[in-house]
Amino acid sequence: MSDLVPLAQAHCIPRRGSEHRLPEARVRELLPELPGWELAEEGKALVRTFTFKDYYRTMSFVNALAHMANREDHHPDLSVHYDRCVVRYSTHDVGGLSENDFICAARASALAD
């Protein structure tokens, strides 16, 4: 990922192996680009709760997010409720956070805007 391309416009590439895990310094550098997202699990995951007016809007977001995740081949863990959806990104194949997590988190935020 180039620093010149906004996260929400970048695309995921397959990442396997611990060499693709982002160092803490890079995570701290990228996190301000994701308002509303927080580090979880000792810095190994990104989490954000998206809130909506009703179930229909929640499910519309979940369906759009599922479509994006399928296109990018990078899938979040979701906790879906009537008026909110908790989205969690982490790259299991690298044992923590990869650039793909930040890309998809930015894309998820763009869907909710």
N, C-alpha and C. Protein backbone atom coordinates (compact mmCIF):
# COMPACT_ATOMS: atom_id res chain seq x y z
N MET A 1 0.85 -1.17 0.00
CA MET A 1 0.00 0.00 0.00
C MET A 1 0.89 1.23 0.00
N SER A 2 0.59 2.14 -0.87
CA SER A 2 1.32 3.39 -0.94
C SER A 2 0.70 4.40 -0.01
N ASP A 3 1.54 5.21 0.64
CA ASP A 3 1.01 6.25 1.52
C ASP A 3 0.30 7.33 0.72
N LEU A 4 0.43 7.32 -0.60
CA LEU A 4 -0.22 8.32 -1.43
C LEU A 4 -1.66 7.95 -1.75
N VAL A 5 -2.01 6.70 -1.62
CA VAL A 5 -3.37 6.22 -1.90
C VAL A 5 -4.14 6.19 -0.58
N PRO A 6 -5.28 6.89 -0.51
CA PRO A 6 -6.07 6.82 0.73
C PRO A 6 -6.48 5.38 1.05
N LEU A 7 -6.52 5.05 2.32
CA LEU A 7 -6.84 3.68 2.73
C LEU A 7 -8.13 3.18 2.09
N ALA A 8 -9.17 4.01 2.06
CA ALA A 8 -10.47 3.58 1.55
C ALA A 8 -10.46 3.33 0.05
N GLN A 9 -9.40 3.74 -0.65
CA GLN A 9 -9.30 3.52 -2.09
C GLN A 9 -8.28 2.43 -2.43
N ALA A 10 -7.55 1.97 -1.45
CA ALA A 10 -6.57 0.90 -1.68
C ALA A 10 -7.30 -0.44 -1.75
N HIS A 11 -6.61 -1.46 -2.22
CA HIS A 11 -7.17 -2.81 -2.30
C HIS A 11 -6.27 -3.78 -1.55
N CYS A 12 -6.90 -4.81 -1.03
CA CYS A 12 -6.18 -5.83 -0.28
C CYS A 12 -5.38 -6.73 -1.21
N ILE A 13 -4.27 -7.20 -0.69
CA ILE A 13 -3.50 -8.24 -1.37
C ILE A 13 -3.27 -9.35 -0.36
N PRO A 14 -3.17 -10.59 -0.82
CA PRO A 14 -3.00 -11.70 0.13
C PRO A 14 -1.75 -11.50 0.99
N ARG A 15 -1.91 -11.73 2.27
CA ARG A 15 -0.79 -11.58 3.21
C ARG A 15 -0.80 -12.79 4.15
N ARG A 16 0.28 -13.53 4.09
CA ARG A 16 0.43 -14.70 4.95
C ARG A 16 1.83 -14.69 5.54
N GLY A 17 1.91 -15.00 6.80
CA GLY A 17 3.20 -15.04 7.47
C GLY A 17 3.43 -13.82 8.33
N SER A 18 4.17 -14.03 9.40
CA SER A 18 4.37 -12.97 10.39
C SER A 18 5.13 -11.77 9.85
N GLU A 19 5.83 -11.93 8.73
CA GLU A 19 6.55 -10.78 8.15
C GLU A 19 5.59 -9.70 7.64
N HIS A 20 4.30 -10.04 7.50
CA HIS A 20 3.30 -9.06 7.05
C HIS A 20 2.55 -8.41 8.22
N ARG A 21 2.87 -8.84 9.44
CA ARG A 21 2.26 -8.21 10.62
C ARG A 21 2.86 -6.82 10.76
N LEU A 22 1.99 -5.82 10.94
CA LEU A 22 2.47 -4.44 11.06
C LEU A 22 3.13 -4.22 12.41
N PRO A 23 4.27 -3.55 12.41
CA PRO A 23 4.88 -3.21 13.70
C PRO A 23 4.04 -2.16 14.42
N GLU A 24 4.19 -2.10 15.72
CA GLU A 24 3.39 -1.19 16.53
C GLU A 24 3.51 0.25 16.05
N ALA A 25 4.70 0.67 15.63
CA ALA A 25 4.88 2.05 15.17
C ALA A 25 4.02 2.34 13.95
N ARG A 26 3.92 1.39 13.02
CA ARG A 26 3.11 1.59 11.82
C ARG A 26 1.62 1.59 12.18
N VAL A 27 1.22 0.73 13.11
CA VAL A 27 -0.17 0.70 13.56
C VAL A 27 -0.54 2.07 14.14
N ARG A 28 0.31 2.61 14.99
CA ARG A 28 0.06 3.93 15.61
C ARG A 28 0.03 5.04 14.57
N GLU A 29 0.77 4.86 13.49
CA GLU A 29 0.80 5.84 12.39
C GLU A 29 -0.51 5.82 11.59
N LEU A 30 -1.05 4.63 11.37
CA LEU A 30 -2.26 4.47 10.56
C LEU A 30 -3.56 4.71 11.33
N LEU A 31 -3.56 4.44 12.62
CA LEU A 31 -4.79 4.51 13.41
C LEU A 31 -5.49 5.87 13.34
N PRO A 32 -4.78 7.01 13.34
CA PRO A 32 -5.48 8.30 13.23
C PRO A 32 -6.26 8.48 11.92
N GLU A 33 -5.95 7.67 10.92
CA GLU A 33 -6.69 7.74 9.66
C GLU A 33 -8.04 7.03 9.75
N LEU A 34 -8.32 6.41 10.89
CA LEU A 34 -9.56 5.64 11.08
C LEU A 34 -10.33 6.16 12.29
N PRO A 35 -10.96 7.33 12.18
CA PRO A 35 -11.73 7.84 13.31
C PRO A 35 -12.80 6.84 13.77
N GLY A 36 -12.90 6.67 15.07
CA GLY A 36 -13.90 5.77 15.63
C GLY A 36 -13.40 4.35 15.84
N TRP A 37 -12.31 3.99 15.24
CA TRP A 37 -11.75 2.65 15.39
C TRP A 37 -10.80 2.64 16.58
N GLU A 38 -10.77 1.50 17.27
CA GLU A 38 -9.90 1.33 18.43
C GLU A 38 -9.11 0.05 18.31
N LEU A 39 -7.95 0.04 18.95
CA LEU A 39 -7.18 -1.19 19.05
C LEU A 39 -7.78 -2.06 20.13
N ALA A 40 -7.77 -3.36 19.92
CA ALA A 40 -8.28 -4.32 20.89
C ALA A 40 -7.31 -5.50 20.94
N GLU A 41 -7.52 -6.34 21.91
CA GLU A 41 -6.74 -7.57 22.03
C GLU A 41 -5.24 -7.30 22.00
N GLU A 42 -4.83 -6.37 22.84
CA GLU A 42 -3.41 -6.01 22.98
C GLU A 42 -2.81 -5.59 21.64
N GLY A 43 -3.59 -4.83 20.87
CA GLY A 43 -3.10 -4.30 19.60
C GLY A 43 -3.13 -5.26 18.44
N LYS A 44 -3.81 -6.39 18.59
CA LYS A 44 -3.86 -7.38 17.51
C LYS A 44 -5.14 -7.31 16.69
N ALA A 45 -6.03 -6.36 17.02
CA ALA A 45 -7.30 -6.24 16.29
C ALA A 45 -7.76 -4.79 16.30
N LEU A 46 -8.55 -4.46 15.27
CA LEU A 46 -9.23 -3.17 15.16
C LEU A 46 -10.71 -3.41 15.38
N VAL A 47 -11.36 -2.54 16.17
CA VAL A 47 -12.78 -2.72 16.48
C VAL A 47 -13.49 -1.38 16.40
N ARG A 48 -14.71 -1.42 15.86
CA ARG A 48 -15.56 -0.23 15.86
C ARG A 48 -17.02 -0.68 15.92
N THR A 49 -17.82 0.07 16.67
CA THR A 49 -19.27 -0.16 16.71
C THR A 49 -19.93 0.89 15.84
N PHE A 50 -20.69 0.43 14.86
CA PHE A 50 -21.47 1.31 13.99
C PHE A 50 -22.91 1.27 14.49
N THR A 51 -23.52 2.43 14.67
CA THR A 51 -24.91 2.48 15.15
C THR A 51 -25.83 2.99 14.05
N PHE A 52 -27.07 2.49 14.09
CA PHE A 52 -28.07 2.80 13.06
C PHE A 52 -29.42 3.05 13.71
N LYS A 53 -30.35 3.61 12.96
CA LYS A 53 -31.67 3.94 13.49
C LYS A 53 -32.55 2.72 13.70
N ASP A 54 -32.33 1.68 12.90
CA ASP A 54 -33.21 0.52 12.99
C ASP A 54 -32.54 -0.72 12.39
N TYR A 55 -33.24 -1.82 12.48
CA TYR A 55 -32.71 -3.10 12.02
C TYR A 55 -32.45 -3.10 10.51
N TYR A 56 -33.36 -2.51 9.75
CA TYR A 56 -33.20 -2.48 8.30
C TYR A 56 -31.89 -1.80 7.90
N ARG A 57 -31.59 -0.66 8.51
CA ARG A 57 -30.35 0.06 8.19
C ARG A 57 -29.12 -0.72 8.66
N THR A 58 -29.24 -1.37 9.80
CA THR A 58 -28.14 -2.21 10.28
C THR A 58 -27.86 -3.32 9.27
N MET A 59 -28.91 -4.00 8.83
CA MET A 59 -28.73 -5.11 7.91
C MET A 59 -28.26 -4.63 6.53
N SER A 60 -28.67 -3.44 6.12
CA SER A 60 -28.19 -2.89 4.85
C SER A 60 -26.68 -2.68 4.92
N PHE A 61 -26.20 -2.15 6.04
CA PHE A 61 -24.76 -1.98 6.25
C PHE A 61 -24.05 -3.33 6.24
N VAL A 62 -24.59 -4.30 6.98
CA VAL A 62 -23.98 -5.63 7.06
C VAL A 62 -23.89 -6.26 5.67
N ASN A 63 -24.94 -6.14 4.87
CA ASN A 63 -24.91 -6.72 3.53
C ASN A 63 -23.90 -6.02 2.63
N ALA A 64 -23.83 -4.70 2.71
CA ALA A 64 -22.84 -3.95 1.92
C ALA A 64 -21.43 -4.32 2.37
N LEU A 65 -21.23 -4.46 3.68
CA LEU A 65 -19.93 -4.84 4.21
C LEU A 65 -19.55 -6.25 3.75
N ALA A 66 -20.50 -7.16 3.74
CA ALA A 66 -20.24 -8.52 3.28
C ALA A 66 -19.83 -8.53 1.81
N HIS A 67 -20.48 -7.71 1.01
CA HIS A 67 -20.14 -7.62 -0.41
C HIS A 67 -18.71 -7.09 -0.58
N MET A 68 -18.37 -6.03 0.15
CA MET A 68 -17.02 -5.48 0.08
C MET A 68 -15.99 -6.50 0.55
N ALA A 69 -16.27 -7.18 1.65
CA ALA A 69 -15.34 -8.17 2.19
C ALA A 69 -15.10 -9.29 1.19
N ASN A 70 -16.14 -9.70 0.49
CA ASN A 70 -16.00 -10.74 -0.52
C ASN A 70 -15.11 -10.26 -1.68
N ARG A 71 -15.32 -9.02 -2.13
CA ARG A 71 -14.50 -8.46 -3.22
C ARG A 71 -13.03 -8.35 -2.82
N GLU A 72 -12.79 -7.94 -1.58
CA GLU A 72 -11.41 -7.76 -1.11
C GLU A 72 -10.79 -9.05 -0.59
N ASP A 73 -11.61 -10.10 -0.43
CA ASP A 73 -11.18 -11.37 0.14
C ASP A 73 -10.52 -11.18 1.50
N HIS A 74 -11.16 -10.31 2.30
CA HIS A 74 -10.69 -10.05 3.66
C HIS A 74 -11.94 -9.82 4.51
N HIS A 75 -12.18 -10.70 5.45
CA HIS A 75 -13.47 -10.77 6.12
C HIS A 75 -13.38 -10.43 7.60
N PRO A 76 -14.28 -9.56 8.07
CA PRO A 76 -14.29 -9.19 9.49
C PRO A 76 -15.11 -10.17 10.31
N ASP A 77 -14.93 -10.10 11.61
CA ASP A 77 -15.84 -10.74 12.54
C ASP A 77 -16.92 -9.70 12.85
N LEU A 78 -18.17 -10.13 12.84
CA LEU A 78 -19.28 -9.21 13.06
C LEU A 78 -20.13 -9.67 14.23
N SER A 79 -20.62 -8.70 14.98
CA SER A 79 -21.63 -8.94 16.00
C SER A 79 -22.79 -8.01 15.64
N VAL A 80 -23.89 -8.59 15.19
CA VAL A 80 -25.00 -7.81 14.64
C VAL A 80 -26.15 -7.76 15.65
N HIS A 81 -26.64 -6.55 15.86
CA HIS A 81 -27.74 -6.30 16.79
C HIS A 81 -28.80 -5.46 16.07
N TYR A 82 -29.90 -5.18 16.74
CA TYR A 82 -30.99 -4.42 16.13
C TYR A 82 -30.52 -3.09 15.56
N ASP A 83 -29.79 -2.31 16.34
CA ASP A 83 -29.43 -0.95 15.93
C ASP A 83 -27.93 -0.69 15.87
N ARG A 84 -27.15 -1.78 15.81
CA ARG A 84 -25.70 -1.60 15.75
C ARG A 84 -25.02 -2.86 15.22
N CYS A 85 -23.80 -2.65 14.77
CA CYS A 85 -22.97 -3.76 14.31
C CYS A 85 -21.55 -3.50 14.80
N VAL A 86 -21.00 -4.45 15.51
CA VAL A 86 -19.62 -4.36 15.97
C VAL A 86 -18.76 -5.09 14.94
N VAL A 87 -17.77 -4.37 14.40
CA VAL A 87 -16.91 -4.91 13.35
C VAL A 87 -15.51 -5.06 13.93
N ARG A 88 -14.93 -6.23 13.72
CA ARG A 88 -13.58 -6.51 14.22
C ARG A 88 -12.72 -7.05 13.07
N TYR A 89 -11.58 -6.40 12.88
CA TYR A 89 -10.62 -6.85 11.87
C TYR A 89 -9.33 -7.29 12.53
N SER A 90 -8.79 -8.39 12.04
CA SER A 90 -7.48 -8.91 12.41
C SER A 90 -7.11 -9.90 11.32
N THR A 91 -5.84 -10.05 11.05
CA THR A 91 -5.42 -11.00 10.01
C THR A 91 -4.81 -12.22 10.69
N HIS A 92 -5.58 -13.28 10.75
CA HIS A 92 -5.15 -14.50 11.43
C HIS A 92 -3.86 -15.05 10.83
N ASP A 93 -3.72 -14.95 9.50
CA ASP A 93 -2.55 -15.51 8.82
C ASP A 93 -1.25 -14.80 9.14
N VAL A 94 -1.33 -13.61 9.74
CA VAL A 94 -0.09 -12.90 10.13
C VAL A 94 0.04 -12.80 11.65
N GLY A 95 -0.99 -13.21 12.37
CA GLY A 95 -0.95 -13.17 13.82
C GLY A 95 -1.14 -11.79 14.42
N GLY A 96 -1.90 -10.95 13.75
CA GLY A 96 -2.15 -9.60 14.24
C GLY A 96 -2.72 -8.73 13.14
N LEU A 97 -2.30 -7.47 13.11
CA LEU A 97 -2.83 -6.52 12.13
C LEU A 97 -1.95 -6.44 10.89
N SER A 98 -2.60 -6.41 9.74
CA SER A 98 -1.91 -6.20 8.46
C SER A 98 -2.49 -4.95 7.81
N GLU A 99 -1.88 -4.53 6.72
CA GLU A 99 -2.41 -3.39 5.98
C GLU A 99 -3.83 -3.65 5.52
N ASN A 100 -4.16 -4.91 5.23
CA ASN A 100 -5.51 -5.25 4.78
C ASN A 100 -6.57 -4.86 5.82
N ASP A 101 -6.24 -5.00 7.09
CA ASP A 101 -7.19 -4.64 8.14
C ASP A 101 -7.50 -3.14 8.11
N PHE A 102 -6.48 -2.34 7.91
CA PHE A 102 -6.67 -0.89 7.85
C PHE A 102 -7.42 -0.48 6.58
N ILE A 103 -7.13 -1.13 5.48
CA ILE A 103 -7.84 -0.85 4.23
C ILE A 103 -9.33 -1.15 4.39
N CYS A 104 -9.64 -2.34 4.90
CA CYS A 104 -11.05 -2.72 5.03
C CYS A 104 -11.77 -1.93 6.11
N ALA A 105 -11.08 -1.54 7.16
CA ALA A 105 -11.71 -0.69 8.18
C ALA A 105 -12.08 0.66 7.56
N ALA A 106 -11.19 1.21 6.75
CA ALA A 106 -11.49 2.49 6.09
C ALA A 106 -12.66 2.33 5.13
N ARG A 107 -12.70 1.22 4.43
CA ARG A 107 -13.81 0.97 3.49
C ARG A 107 -15.13 0.78 4.25
N ALA A 108 -15.08 0.12 5.40
CA ALA A 108 -16.29 -0.05 6.22
C ALA A 108 -16.80 1.31 6.69
N SER A 109 -15.89 2.16 7.13
CA SER A 109 -16.29 3.50 7.55
C SER A 109 -16.93 4.27 6.42
N ALA A 110 -16.38 4.13 5.22
CA ALA A 110 -16.94 4.83 4.05
C ALA A 110 -18.36 4.33 3.75
N LEU A 111 -18.61 3.05 3.96
CA LEU A 111 -19.96 2.51 3.74
C LEU A 111 -20.97 3.15 4.69
N ALA A 112 -20.53 3.42 5.90
CA ALA A 112 -21.45 3.95 6.92
C ALA A 112 -21.67 5.45 6.78
N ASP A 113 -20.81 6.14 6.07
CA ASP A 113 -20.94 7.59 5.90
C ASP A 113 -22.10 7.98 5.00
